[in-house]
Amino acid sequence: MIRKELQIIKSFGENIESIVTFEDIAKKEEELGFPLPEALRELYIIFHPDDSAFTEKGSLIPLERLKIYKRIFWKDTEITILPFCQYERYGYGFEVSRYHKSKDNMSRNNSEDPEMWGLYVLPETPKEKKHLSGHAVPCNQSRLSQWIVEWLGYQQTLTQPSVIAVNRDKVANYWKSMKEFFPNTFYHVPIELLSRHRINFDVNFVEEPSRLLCGSILYSSTAYFGGKTDQELEQLMKQMGFKYIWIKSQDGHPIFNSVLPQPPQKRELKSIAPVLHFLCEFAGIEGKGVKEESINRAELRLENSLPLPMVEFYRYLPSRFYRSYNVLRPLSSLKRSKDGKLNFLEENQAVYHWAAEVNSPFLYRRANNGVVEWSMYGILDGFLAAEFLWALACDEELGLILWEFPNFEPEMLGKGGKLNPYLNPIEDVTEQIAVGNTRKLYQAMDGKAVALYDSEEQTLWFITKNELIQEQLEKLLRYEAY
């Protein structure tokens, strides 16, 4: 079914041969009690779980470890899922059957190319134990064969020796250039069938004159280009006219976000409750997070008081926002690691983790590679205030408008700068908590707009409640910035 596509993807990586035989698959099918779809059989026959293609955003579950999971869906329906790949606590697989409690009957999925689902295979909370989100993770449901090819092509892109990243939202001719330079796709869907297919990953490749890959997750603005050498990618970007950053380099190019900011000076933590209250009112939410008894239980379990800004952060942020952008660990599962750190937040692309310490004002960051140790990254209060805003701004249901200010230069914010007169601290606090951090919050238009400046990326974002306010703010700032 997808053997040809899998062989092409494999040709871009290593030549680790699978040790799985058709007899092994037959034995597993007998154990499970149902036949595996053809696309999944082909995946195990061609790819070994130790292939480097499975070292980035998800691992292939070895054939011998495949097992079914049951989860509640739509209250009276129990779904049986067989996940075959896993990333952190989450797994991806296909529906085997469903049991309808009200009708007391079982329906089995006999499709040779079933739909994909996502579920927690290592749930930590009661909510996670019941959760199925195949409609949202990675972002759409799709057929098994299509998902395997797209996902694996994306994974193979990230494993190339040289990798660069491009923000496709900032490239006016991105799609036109892609069609010109990357005409091939691993999974072709005929035009007449497009309405029935959903895409999770955009993956294209070219084999002449160089073997290059381009992959991205549909909902992400970042596209990754992978090749065998830095020179090939540099030449490609020159031809396409794209601005880019290095993710992997063999020739010593600076890697994006690899250089940490200067360690901050120790200072007393400030309360961020006034800022969080302001942001809740701005976004139109009540700001009801965990209850006091949950905070007390966590502190009793940790045998220490949590840092004040962290307590306020959990107290104000409703749980529905825990995964709107970065992934926040629930307070109920917060625990101290062997090195004493409280690992509470993971970056949405799973590149970094952030942690705090009891009796300390510092924030720590660590690359998610199991090698790099924690490094001092900032002060907890200012980081959490900015993270709170980011969680609200990225929630689709709130309908806030997030936009990057064009042609921004950092000196615009300084004394005498063009934007300085229009931006003010929030509750007279954000100026203080910005000390020692890379991000700073402002309000504009008497609280109708909020701004976030990231000195590390030298980027300024505005968040507004609706398009009318956005237009008013753009009109206000347009003549000053240009």
Protein backbone atom coordinates (compact mmCIF):
# COMPACT_ATOMS: atom_id res chain seq x y z
CA MET A 1 0.00 0.00 0.00
CA ILE A 2 2.73 2.50 1.00
CA ARG A 3 5.82 0.33 0.55
CA LYS A 4 7.20 2.52 -2.26
CA GLU A 5 6.76 5.72 -0.24
CA LEU A 6 8.38 4.19 2.84
CA GLN A 7 11.37 3.02 0.82
CA ILE A 8 11.90 6.54 -0.55
CA ILE A 9 11.72 8.04 2.96
CA LYS A 10 14.16 5.41 4.22
CA SER A 11 16.60 6.27 1.42
CA PHE A 12 17.05 9.74 2.94
CA GLY A 13 18.27 8.24 6.23
CA GLU A 14 20.12 5.23 7.56
CA ASN A 15 20.18 1.70 6.27
CA ILE A 16 19.13 -0.11 9.45
CA GLU A 17 17.21 -3.15 8.29
CA SER A 18 14.12 -4.31 10.15
CA ILE A 19 14.34 -7.64 11.94
CA VAL A 20 10.55 -8.15 11.87
CA THR A 21 9.31 -11.01 9.69
CA PHE A 22 5.86 -11.80 8.34
CA GLU A 23 5.80 -14.72 10.80
CA ASP A 24 6.36 -12.22 13.66
CA ILE A 25 3.44 -10.14 12.42
CA ALA A 26 1.18 -13.19 12.13
CA LYS A 27 2.05 -14.16 15.69
CA LYS A 28 1.24 -10.66 16.97
CA GLU A 29 -2.06 -10.64 15.05
CA GLU A 30 -3.01 -13.95 16.69
CA GLU A 31 -2.16 -12.50 20.10
CA LEU A 32 -4.20 -9.33 19.47
CA GLY A 33 -7.12 -11.16 17.92
CA PHE A 34 -7.37 -9.12 14.71
CA PRO A 35 -5.29 -8.51 11.54
CA LEU A 36 -3.05 -5.47 11.34
CA PRO A 37 -3.70 -3.01 8.48
CA GLU A 38 -1.42 -3.42 5.47
CA ALA A 39 0.20 0.01 5.91
CA LEU A 40 1.24 -0.86 9.46
CA ARG A 41 2.65 -4.24 8.40
CA GLU A 42 4.76 -2.49 5.77
CA LEU A 43 6.05 0.02 8.32
CA TYR A 44 7.34 -2.75 10.59
CA ILE A 45 8.78 -4.79 7.70
CA ILE A 46 10.78 -1.80 6.38
CA PHE A 47 11.74 0.28 9.46
CA HIS A 48 13.59 -0.74 12.61
CA PRO A 49 12.47 1.03 15.84
CA ASP A 50 16.10 2.12 16.42
CA ASP A 51 16.21 4.03 13.13
CA SER A 52 17.16 7.67 13.73
CA ALA A 53 13.91 8.72 12.04
CA PHE A 54 12.24 7.88 15.36
CA THR A 55 14.48 10.02 17.57
CA GLU A 56 12.81 13.41 17.07
CA LYS A 57 9.07 13.90 17.64
CA GLY A 58 7.96 10.33 18.25
CA SER A 59 9.20 6.79 18.56
CA LEU A 60 7.95 3.62 16.91
CA ILE A 61 6.60 1.16 19.46
CA PRO A 62 8.31 -2.21 18.82
CA LEU A 63 6.00 -4.84 17.36
CA GLU A 64 6.30 -7.13 20.41
CA ARG A 65 5.14 -4.29 22.70
CA LEU A 66 1.97 -3.41 20.76
CA LYS A 67 -1.13 -3.54 22.95
CA ILE A 68 -4.64 -2.14 22.88
CA TYR A 69 -5.99 0.67 25.05
CA LYS A 70 -9.60 1.37 25.98
CA ARG A 71 -10.89 4.89 26.51
CA ILE A 72 -14.32 6.43 27.05
CA PHE A 73 -15.65 8.49 24.14
CA TRP A 74 -18.96 10.37 24.08
CA LYS A 75 -19.85 9.10 27.57
CA ASP A 76 -21.57 5.86 26.59
CA THR A 77 -19.05 4.60 24.02
CA GLU A 78 -15.81 2.76 24.76
CA ILE A 79 -13.19 3.02 22.02
CA THR A 80 -10.45 0.40 21.60
CA ILE A 81 -7.27 1.89 20.11
CA LEU A 82 -4.01 0.27 19.03
CA PRO A 83 -1.22 2.90 19.23
CA PHE A 84 1.95 2.13 17.29
CA CYS A 85 4.02 5.27 17.94
CA GLN A 86 4.49 7.38 21.03
CA TYR A 87 5.84 10.77 22.04
CA GLU A 88 6.28 11.42 25.76
CA ARG A 89 2.97 10.36 27.37
CA TYR A 90 0.96 10.56 24.16
CA GLY A 91 0.42 7.88 21.54
CA TYR A 92 -1.00 7.68 18.02
CA GLY A 93 -2.86 4.74 16.59
CA PHE A 94 -6.03 3.51 14.92
CA GLU A 95 -9.47 2.43 16.06
CA VAL A 96 -9.97 -1.32 16.45
CA SER A 97 -13.53 -1.40 17.75
CA ARG A 98 -16.09 0.44 19.84
CA TYR A 99 -18.58 -0.76 22.43
CA HIS A 100 -21.90 1.14 22.70
CA LYS A 101 -23.06 0.79 26.32
CA SER A 102 -26.62 2.03 25.76
CA LYS A 103 -27.14 -0.47 22.92
CA ASP A 104 -24.97 -3.17 24.52
CA ASN A 105 -23.33 -4.01 21.20
CA MET A 106 -19.83 -4.06 19.76
CA SER A 107 -18.87 -2.71 16.33
CA ARG A 108 -15.51 -3.64 14.87
CA ASN A 109 -13.55 -1.44 12.49
CA ASN A 110 -12.96 -3.63 9.45
CA SER A 111 -11.39 -0.88 7.35
CA GLU A 112 -8.06 -1.78 5.75
CA ASP A 113 -7.04 1.87 6.08
CA PRO A 114 -8.65 3.04 9.35
CA GLU A 115 -8.77 6.55 10.79
CA MET A 116 -6.09 7.76 13.18
CA TRP A 117 -6.69 8.58 16.83
CA GLY A 118 -4.58 10.03 19.61
CA LEU A 119 -4.63 9.15 23.29
CA TYR A 120 -2.53 9.26 26.43
CA VAL A 121 -0.75 5.93 26.76
CA LEU A 122 0.91 7.07 30.00
CA PRO A 123 -1.80 9.27 31.55
CA GLU A 124 -1.01 11.11 34.78
CA THR A 125 -4.37 12.65 35.68
CA PRO A 126 -7.96 11.27 35.74
CA LYS A 127 -8.83 13.60 32.86
CA GLU A 128 -5.94 12.27 30.77
CA LYS A 129 -7.01 8.69 31.50
CA LYS A 130 -10.36 9.34 29.80
CA HIS A 131 -9.13 11.68 27.10
CA LEU A 132 -9.25 10.98 23.36
CA SER A 133 -8.29 13.83 21.06
CA GLY A 134 -7.84 12.36 17.63
CA HIS A 135 -9.67 15.38 16.24
CA ALA A 136 -7.01 17.75 17.58
CA VAL A 137 -3.67 15.96 17.79
CA PRO A 138 -1.56 16.30 15.76
CA CYS A 139 -4.33 18.52 14.39
CA ASN A 140 -6.69 16.48 12.19
CA GLN A 141 -7.82 12.92 11.82
CA SER A 142 -6.52 11.17 8.72
CA ARG A 143 -6.20 7.69 7.29
CA LEU A 144 -3.51 5.43 8.70
CA SER A 145 -1.50 5.09 5.47
CA GLN A 146 -1.44 8.84 4.88
CA TRP A 147 -0.52 9.64 8.48
CA ILE A 148 2.38 7.17 8.55
CA VAL A 149 3.93 8.58 5.38
CA GLU A 150 3.47 12.25 6.33
CA TRP A 151 4.67 11.79 9.91
CA LEU A 152 7.67 9.69 8.95
CA GLY A 153 8.65 12.12 6.19
CA TYR A 154 8.54 14.98 8.71
CA GLN A 155 10.62 12.96 11.16
CA GLN A 156 13.20 12.17 8.48
CA THR A 157 13.49 15.88 7.66
CA LEU A 158 14.51 16.69 11.24
CA THR A 159 17.12 13.91 11.34
CA GLN A 160 19.14 15.20 8.38
CA PRO A 161 22.75 16.19 9.19
CA SER A 162 22.02 19.85 8.34
CA VAL A 163 18.67 21.49 9.17
CA ILE A 164 17.42 25.05 8.87
CA ALA A 165 14.07 26.61 9.81
CA VAL A 166 11.99 29.15 7.90
CA ASN A 167 8.97 31.07 9.18
CA ARG A 168 6.69 30.53 6.21
CA ASP A 169 4.18 33.12 7.49
CA LYS A 170 6.80 35.81 6.82
CA VAL A 171 7.52 34.69 3.24
CA ALA A 172 5.14 36.18 0.71
CA ASN A 173 6.02 33.73 -2.07
CA TYR A 174 6.53 30.65 0.09
CA TRP A 175 4.07 28.25 -1.60
CA LYS A 176 4.97 29.40 -5.09
CA SER A 177 8.66 28.81 -4.39
CA MET A 178 7.93 25.44 -2.81
CA LYS A 179 6.14 24.21 -5.93
CA GLU A 180 9.08 25.33 -8.03
CA PHE A 181 11.89 23.89 -5.91
CA PHE A 182 10.13 20.96 -4.15
CA PRO A 183 7.74 19.41 -6.68
CA ASN A 184 7.57 15.95 -5.07
CA THR A 185 5.40 14.83 -2.18
CA PHE A 186 5.48 11.45 -0.43
CA TYR A 187 1.72 11.07 -0.36
CA HIS A 188 -0.26 12.32 -3.34
CA VAL A 189 -3.99 12.90 -2.93
CA PRO A 190 -5.96 13.31 -6.19
CA ILE A 191 -7.77 16.65 -6.44
CA GLU A 192 -11.18 14.97 -6.58
CA LEU A 193 -10.48 13.29 -3.22
CA LEU A 194 -8.98 16.28 -1.37
CA SER A 195 -12.23 17.10 0.44
CA ARG A 196 -12.22 13.65 2.05
CA HIS A 197 -8.62 13.78 3.26
CA ARG A 198 -7.12 15.77 6.11
CA ILE A 199 -3.47 16.74 6.20
CA ASN A 200 -1.39 16.83 9.38
CA PHE A 201 2.08 17.40 7.94
CA ASP A 202 3.37 19.15 4.83
CA VAL A 203 6.31 17.12 3.52
CA ASN A 204 8.03 17.56 0.16
CA PHE A 205 11.32 16.40 -1.28
CA VAL A 206 13.69 16.86 -4.20
CA GLU A 207 16.29 14.38 -5.44
CA GLU A 208 18.15 16.37 -8.12
CA PRO A 209 20.66 17.95 -8.05
CA SER A 210 20.66 17.41 -4.24
CA ARG A 211 18.54 15.17 -2.01
CA LEU A 212 16.68 17.65 0.20
CA LEU A 213 13.58 17.44 2.40
CA CYS A 214 11.11 20.04 3.61
CA GLY A 215 8.64 19.23 6.39
CA SER A 216 6.31 21.09 8.72
CA ILE A 217 3.34 20.45 10.97
CA LEU A 218 0.20 21.90 9.45
CA TYR A 219 -0.70 24.23 12.34
CA SER A 220 2.90 25.45 12.80
CA SER A 221 4.33 28.42 10.92
CA THR A 222 7.80 26.84 10.96
CA ALA A 223 9.05 24.86 7.97
CA TYR A 224 12.20 22.74 8.31
CA PHE A 225 14.59 22.07 5.42
CA GLY A 226 17.00 19.17 5.79
CA GLY A 227 20.02 18.15 3.72
CA LYS A 228 23.31 16.33 3.82
CA THR A 229 25.48 19.49 3.92
CA ASP A 230 25.28 23.11 5.03
CA GLN A 231 26.38 24.24 1.58
CA GLU A 232 23.39 22.60 -0.11
CA LEU A 233 20.94 24.35 2.20
CA GLU A 234 22.69 27.71 1.90
CA GLN A 235 22.54 27.50 -1.87
CA LEU A 236 18.86 26.52 -1.74
CA MET A 237 17.95 29.47 0.49
CA LYS A 238 19.85 31.82 -1.79
CA GLN A 239 17.84 30.58 -4.76
CA MET A 240 14.51 30.72 -2.91
CA GLY A 241 15.28 34.07 -1.27
CA PHE A 242 14.20 32.92 2.21
CA LYS A 243 15.46 34.16 5.57
CA TYR A 244 16.39 31.26 7.82
CA ILE A 245 17.97 30.12 11.07
CA TRP A 246 20.15 27.10 11.74
CA ILE A 247 18.80 24.17 13.73
CA LYS A 248 21.68 21.79 12.90
CA SER A 249 24.97 22.82 11.33
CA GLN A 250 28.07 20.84 10.33
CA ASP A 251 30.15 23.91 9.50
CA GLY A 252 29.84 25.77 12.79
CA HIS A 253 26.95 28.12 12.03
CA PRO A 254 25.32 29.57 15.18
CA ILE A 255 22.39 27.40 16.26
CA PHE A 256 19.13 29.17 17.05
CA ASN A 257 18.49 29.54 20.80
CA SER A 258 21.63 27.57 21.64
CA VAL A 259 23.28 30.51 23.40
CA LEU A 260 21.66 31.22 26.74
CA PRO A 261 21.19 34.79 27.95
CA GLN A 262 23.46 36.05 30.70
CA PRO A 263 22.47 34.54 34.08
CA PRO A 264 20.22 37.00 35.93
CA GLN A 265 21.13 38.63 39.21
CA LYS A 266 19.25 37.33 42.22
CA ARG A 267 16.38 39.52 43.40
CA GLU A 268 13.20 39.21 45.41
CA LEU A 269 10.20 37.75 43.63
CA LYS A 270 7.27 40.09 43.00
CA SER A 271 3.60 39.21 43.18
CA ILE A 272 2.16 38.87 39.68
CA ALA A 273 -1.46 38.60 40.86
CA PRO A 274 -2.33 42.19 39.72
CA VAL A 275 -0.95 41.46 36.24
CA LEU A 276 -2.78 38.13 35.95
CA HIS A 277 -6.02 39.74 37.13
CA PHE A 278 -5.60 42.44 34.47
CA LEU A 279 -4.95 39.83 31.76
CA CYS A 280 -8.02 37.81 32.78
CA GLU A 281 -10.22 40.88 32.53
CA PHE A 282 -8.59 41.81 29.23
CA ALA A 283 -9.31 38.32 27.79
CA GLY A 284 -12.79 38.12 29.29
CA ILE A 285 -12.25 35.09 31.52
CA GLU A 286 -12.88 34.65 35.24
CA GLY A 287 -9.38 33.46 36.08
CA LYS A 288 -10.43 30.53 38.23
CA GLY A 289 -7.60 28.04 38.38
CA VAL A 290 -6.77 25.49 41.07
CA LYS A 291 -8.40 25.77 44.47
CA GLU A 292 -6.52 26.53 47.67
CA GLU A 293 -6.81 22.95 48.89
CA SER A 294 -5.00 21.77 45.74
CA ILE A 295 -2.17 24.20 46.43
CA ASN A 296 -2.00 23.04 50.04
CA ARG A 297 -1.88 19.38 49.01
CA ALA A 298 0.93 20.05 46.52
CA GLU A 299 2.99 21.95 49.08
CA LEU A 300 2.39 19.22 51.66
CA ARG A 301 3.53 16.58 49.18
CA LEU A 302 6.63 18.62 48.25
CA GLU A 303 7.29 19.47 51.91
CA ASN A 304 7.90 23.08 50.88
CA SER A 305 6.01 26.19 49.91
CA LEU A 306 5.87 26.88 46.20
CA PRO A 307 7.29 30.20 44.92
CA LEU A 308 4.60 32.90 45.18
CA PRO A 309 4.39 33.66 41.41
CA MET A 310 3.93 29.96 40.66
CA VAL A 311 1.10 29.71 43.18
CA GLU A 312 -0.55 32.77 41.62
CA PHE A 313 -0.04 31.37 38.12
CA TYR A 314 -1.84 28.11 38.95
CA ARG A 315 -4.48 29.99 40.95
CA TYR A 316 -5.45 32.20 38.01
CA LEU A 317 -4.97 29.95 34.95
CA PRO A 318 -7.93 27.63 34.19
CA SER A 319 -6.89 24.08 33.23
CA ARG A 320 -8.32 24.44 29.71
CA PHE A 321 -5.31 26.63 28.89
CA TYR A 322 -2.70 24.11 30.03
CA ARG A 323 -2.12 22.99 26.43
CA SER A 324 -3.18 26.01 24.39
CA TYR A 325 0.46 26.63 23.46
CA ASN A 326 3.20 25.28 25.72
CA VAL A 327 2.29 22.29 27.90
CA LEU A 328 1.86 23.01 31.60
CA ARG A 329 2.17 20.15 34.07
CA PRO A 330 -0.91 19.97 36.35
CA LEU A 331 -0.27 20.95 39.95
CA SER A 332 -1.46 17.51 41.07
CA SER A 333 1.43 15.85 39.20
CA LEU A 334 4.10 18.41 40.01
CA LYS A 335 6.99 16.69 41.73
CA ARG A 336 10.58 17.35 42.58
CA SER A 337 13.20 15.63 40.41
CA LYS A 338 16.41 14.11 41.73
CA ASP A 339 18.23 17.40 41.23
CA GLY A 340 15.57 19.27 43.20
CA LYS A 341 13.97 21.02 40.22
CA LEU A 342 10.22 21.39 39.69
CA ASN A 343 9.81 20.63 36.01
CA PHE A 344 6.52 22.38 35.28
CA LEU A 345 6.48 23.41 31.60
CA GLU A 346 7.37 21.91 28.22
CA GLU A 347 7.75 23.88 25.00
CA ASN A 348 5.07 23.13 22.40
CA GLN A 349 7.60 21.64 19.97
CA ALA A 350 9.13 19.66 22.85
CA VAL A 351 12.53 21.34 22.37
CA TYR A 352 12.85 22.72 25.91
CA HIS A 353 11.65 22.19 29.47
CA TRP A 354 11.41 24.91 32.12
CA ALA A 355 11.71 24.37 35.87
CA ALA A 356 11.67 26.22 39.16
CA GLU A 357 13.14 25.57 42.61
CA VAL A 358 11.62 25.98 46.02
CA ASN A 359 13.13 28.87 47.99
CA SER A 360 14.61 30.34 44.81
CA PRO A 361 13.58 33.16 42.43
CA PHE A 362 15.31 31.62 39.40
CA LEU A 363 13.84 29.97 36.33
CA TYR A 364 15.78 27.15 34.66
CA ARG A 365 15.74 25.78 31.11
CA ARG A 366 16.96 22.49 29.68
CA ALA A 367 17.02 21.10 26.16
CA ASN A 368 14.85 18.02 25.82
CA ASN A 369 17.67 15.71 24.78
CA GLY A 370 18.51 14.00 28.05
CA VAL A 371 22.07 15.36 27.92
CA VAL A 372 22.10 19.10 28.60
CA GLU A 373 21.78 20.08 32.25
CA TRP A 374 19.53 22.80 33.65
CA SER A 375 20.78 26.34 33.01
CA MET A 376 19.67 29.50 34.79
CA TYR A 377 17.38 31.27 32.32
CA GLY A 378 15.50 34.05 34.08
CA ILE A 379 13.40 35.12 37.06
CA LEU A 380 10.20 33.22 37.72
CA ASP A 381 7.76 36.13 38.14
CA GLY A 382 8.33 37.86 34.79
CA PHE A 383 8.54 34.60 32.88
CA LEU A 384 5.23 33.33 34.28
CA ALA A 385 3.42 36.60 33.59
CA ALA A 386 4.50 36.45 29.94
CA GLU A 387 3.66 32.74 29.74
CA PHE A 388 0.17 33.46 31.11
CA LEU A 389 -0.45 35.99 28.34
CA TRP A 390 0.90 33.60 25.71
CA ALA A 391 -1.44 30.81 26.88
CA LEU A 392 -4.45 33.12 26.54
CA ALA A 393 -3.38 34.58 23.22
CA CYS A 394 -2.97 31.14 21.61
CA ASP A 395 -6.34 29.79 22.70
CA GLU A 396 -8.63 29.59 19.68
CA GLU A 397 -11.87 29.82 21.65
CA LEU A 398 -11.03 33.23 23.15
CA GLY A 399 -10.71 34.74 19.69
CA LEU A 400 -7.91 37.13 20.62
CA ILE A 401 -5.91 38.51 17.70
CA LEU A 402 -2.15 37.97 17.90
CA TRP A 403 0.02 39.82 15.40
CA GLU A 404 3.68 40.64 15.04
CA PHE A 405 4.60 44.31 14.67
CA PRO A 406 6.32 44.75 11.28
CA ASN A 407 9.80 46.25 10.80
CA PHE A 408 10.36 46.32 14.53
CA GLU A 409 13.66 47.51 16.01
CA PRO A 410 14.40 47.25 19.79
CA GLU A 411 15.36 50.94 20.03
CA MET A 412 11.73 51.80 19.28
CA LEU A 413 10.91 50.85 22.89
CA GLY A 414 13.64 52.92 24.56
CA LYS A 415 13.47 56.47 25.82
CA GLY A 416 12.79 58.67 22.83
CA GLY A 417 11.82 55.63 20.76
CA LYS A 418 8.87 55.85 18.38
CA LEU A 419 6.73 53.29 20.23
CA ASN A 420 7.67 54.31 23.76
CA PRO A 421 4.91 56.95 24.26
CA TYR A 422 2.17 54.45 23.43
CA LEU A 423 3.23 51.58 25.72
CA ASN A 424 2.81 51.51 29.50
CA PRO A 425 3.52 49.02 32.31
CA ILE A 426 0.65 46.80 33.47
CA GLU A 427 -0.45 47.65 37.01
CA ASP A 428 2.96 49.30 37.59
CA VAL A 429 4.41 45.78 37.92
CA THR A 430 5.62 44.59 34.53
CA GLU A 431 8.56 47.00 34.47
CA GLN A 432 9.86 45.47 37.71
CA ILE A 433 9.35 41.81 36.81
CA ALA A 434 11.04 42.28 33.41
CA VAL A 435 14.38 42.62 35.23
CA GLY A 436 16.37 39.45 34.64
CA ASN A 437 14.02 38.15 31.94
CA THR A 438 13.98 38.12 28.14
CA ARG A 439 10.29 39.05 27.83
CA LYS A 440 8.40 42.15 28.88
CA LEU A 441 4.69 43.01 28.95
CA TYR A 442 3.03 46.33 28.13
CA GLN A 443 -0.48 47.66 27.79
CA ALA A 444 -1.67 50.10 25.14
CA MET A 445 -4.82 52.05 24.30
CA ASP A 446 -5.92 52.24 27.94
CA GLY A 447 -5.80 48.47 28.35
CA LYS A 448 -7.53 47.57 25.08
CA ALA A 449 -4.33 46.02 23.75
CA VAL A 450 -1.40 44.15 25.30
CA ALA A 451 2.13 43.90 23.92
CA LEU A 452 4.82 41.28 24.49
CA TYR A 453 8.47 42.00 23.68
CA ASP A 454 10.98 39.16 23.39
CA SER A 455 14.56 40.46 23.51
CA GLU A 456 15.94 37.04 22.57
CA GLU A 457 14.06 37.02 19.28
CA GLN A 458 13.95 40.84 19.04
CA THR A 459 10.26 40.62 18.20
CA LEU A 460 7.24 42.60 19.40
CA TRP A 461 3.75 41.10 19.39
CA PHE A 462 0.42 42.80 20.02
CA ILE A 463 -2.71 41.08 21.29
CA THR A 464 -6.09 42.75 20.76
CA LYS A 465 -9.67 41.71 21.44
CA ASN A 466 -10.99 42.22 17.93
CA GLU A 467 -10.12 43.50 14.47
CA LEU A 468 -11.49 46.98 15.15
CA ILE A 469 -9.08 47.53 18.02
CA GLN A 470 -6.28 46.08 15.92
CA GLU A 471 -7.05 48.55 13.12
CA GLN A 472 -7.15 51.46 15.57
CA LEU A 473 -3.83 50.44 17.08
CA GLU A 474 -2.21 49.96 13.69
CA LYS A 475 -3.40 53.38 12.61
CA LEU A 476 -2.08 54.90 15.84
CA LEU A 477 1.36 53.35 15.46
CA ARG A 478 1.78 53.30 11.69
CA TYR A 479 3.02 56.86 11.25
CA GLU A 480 5.36 56.66 14.22
CA ALA A 481 7.06 53.42 13.22
CA TYR A 482 7.83 54.20 9.61
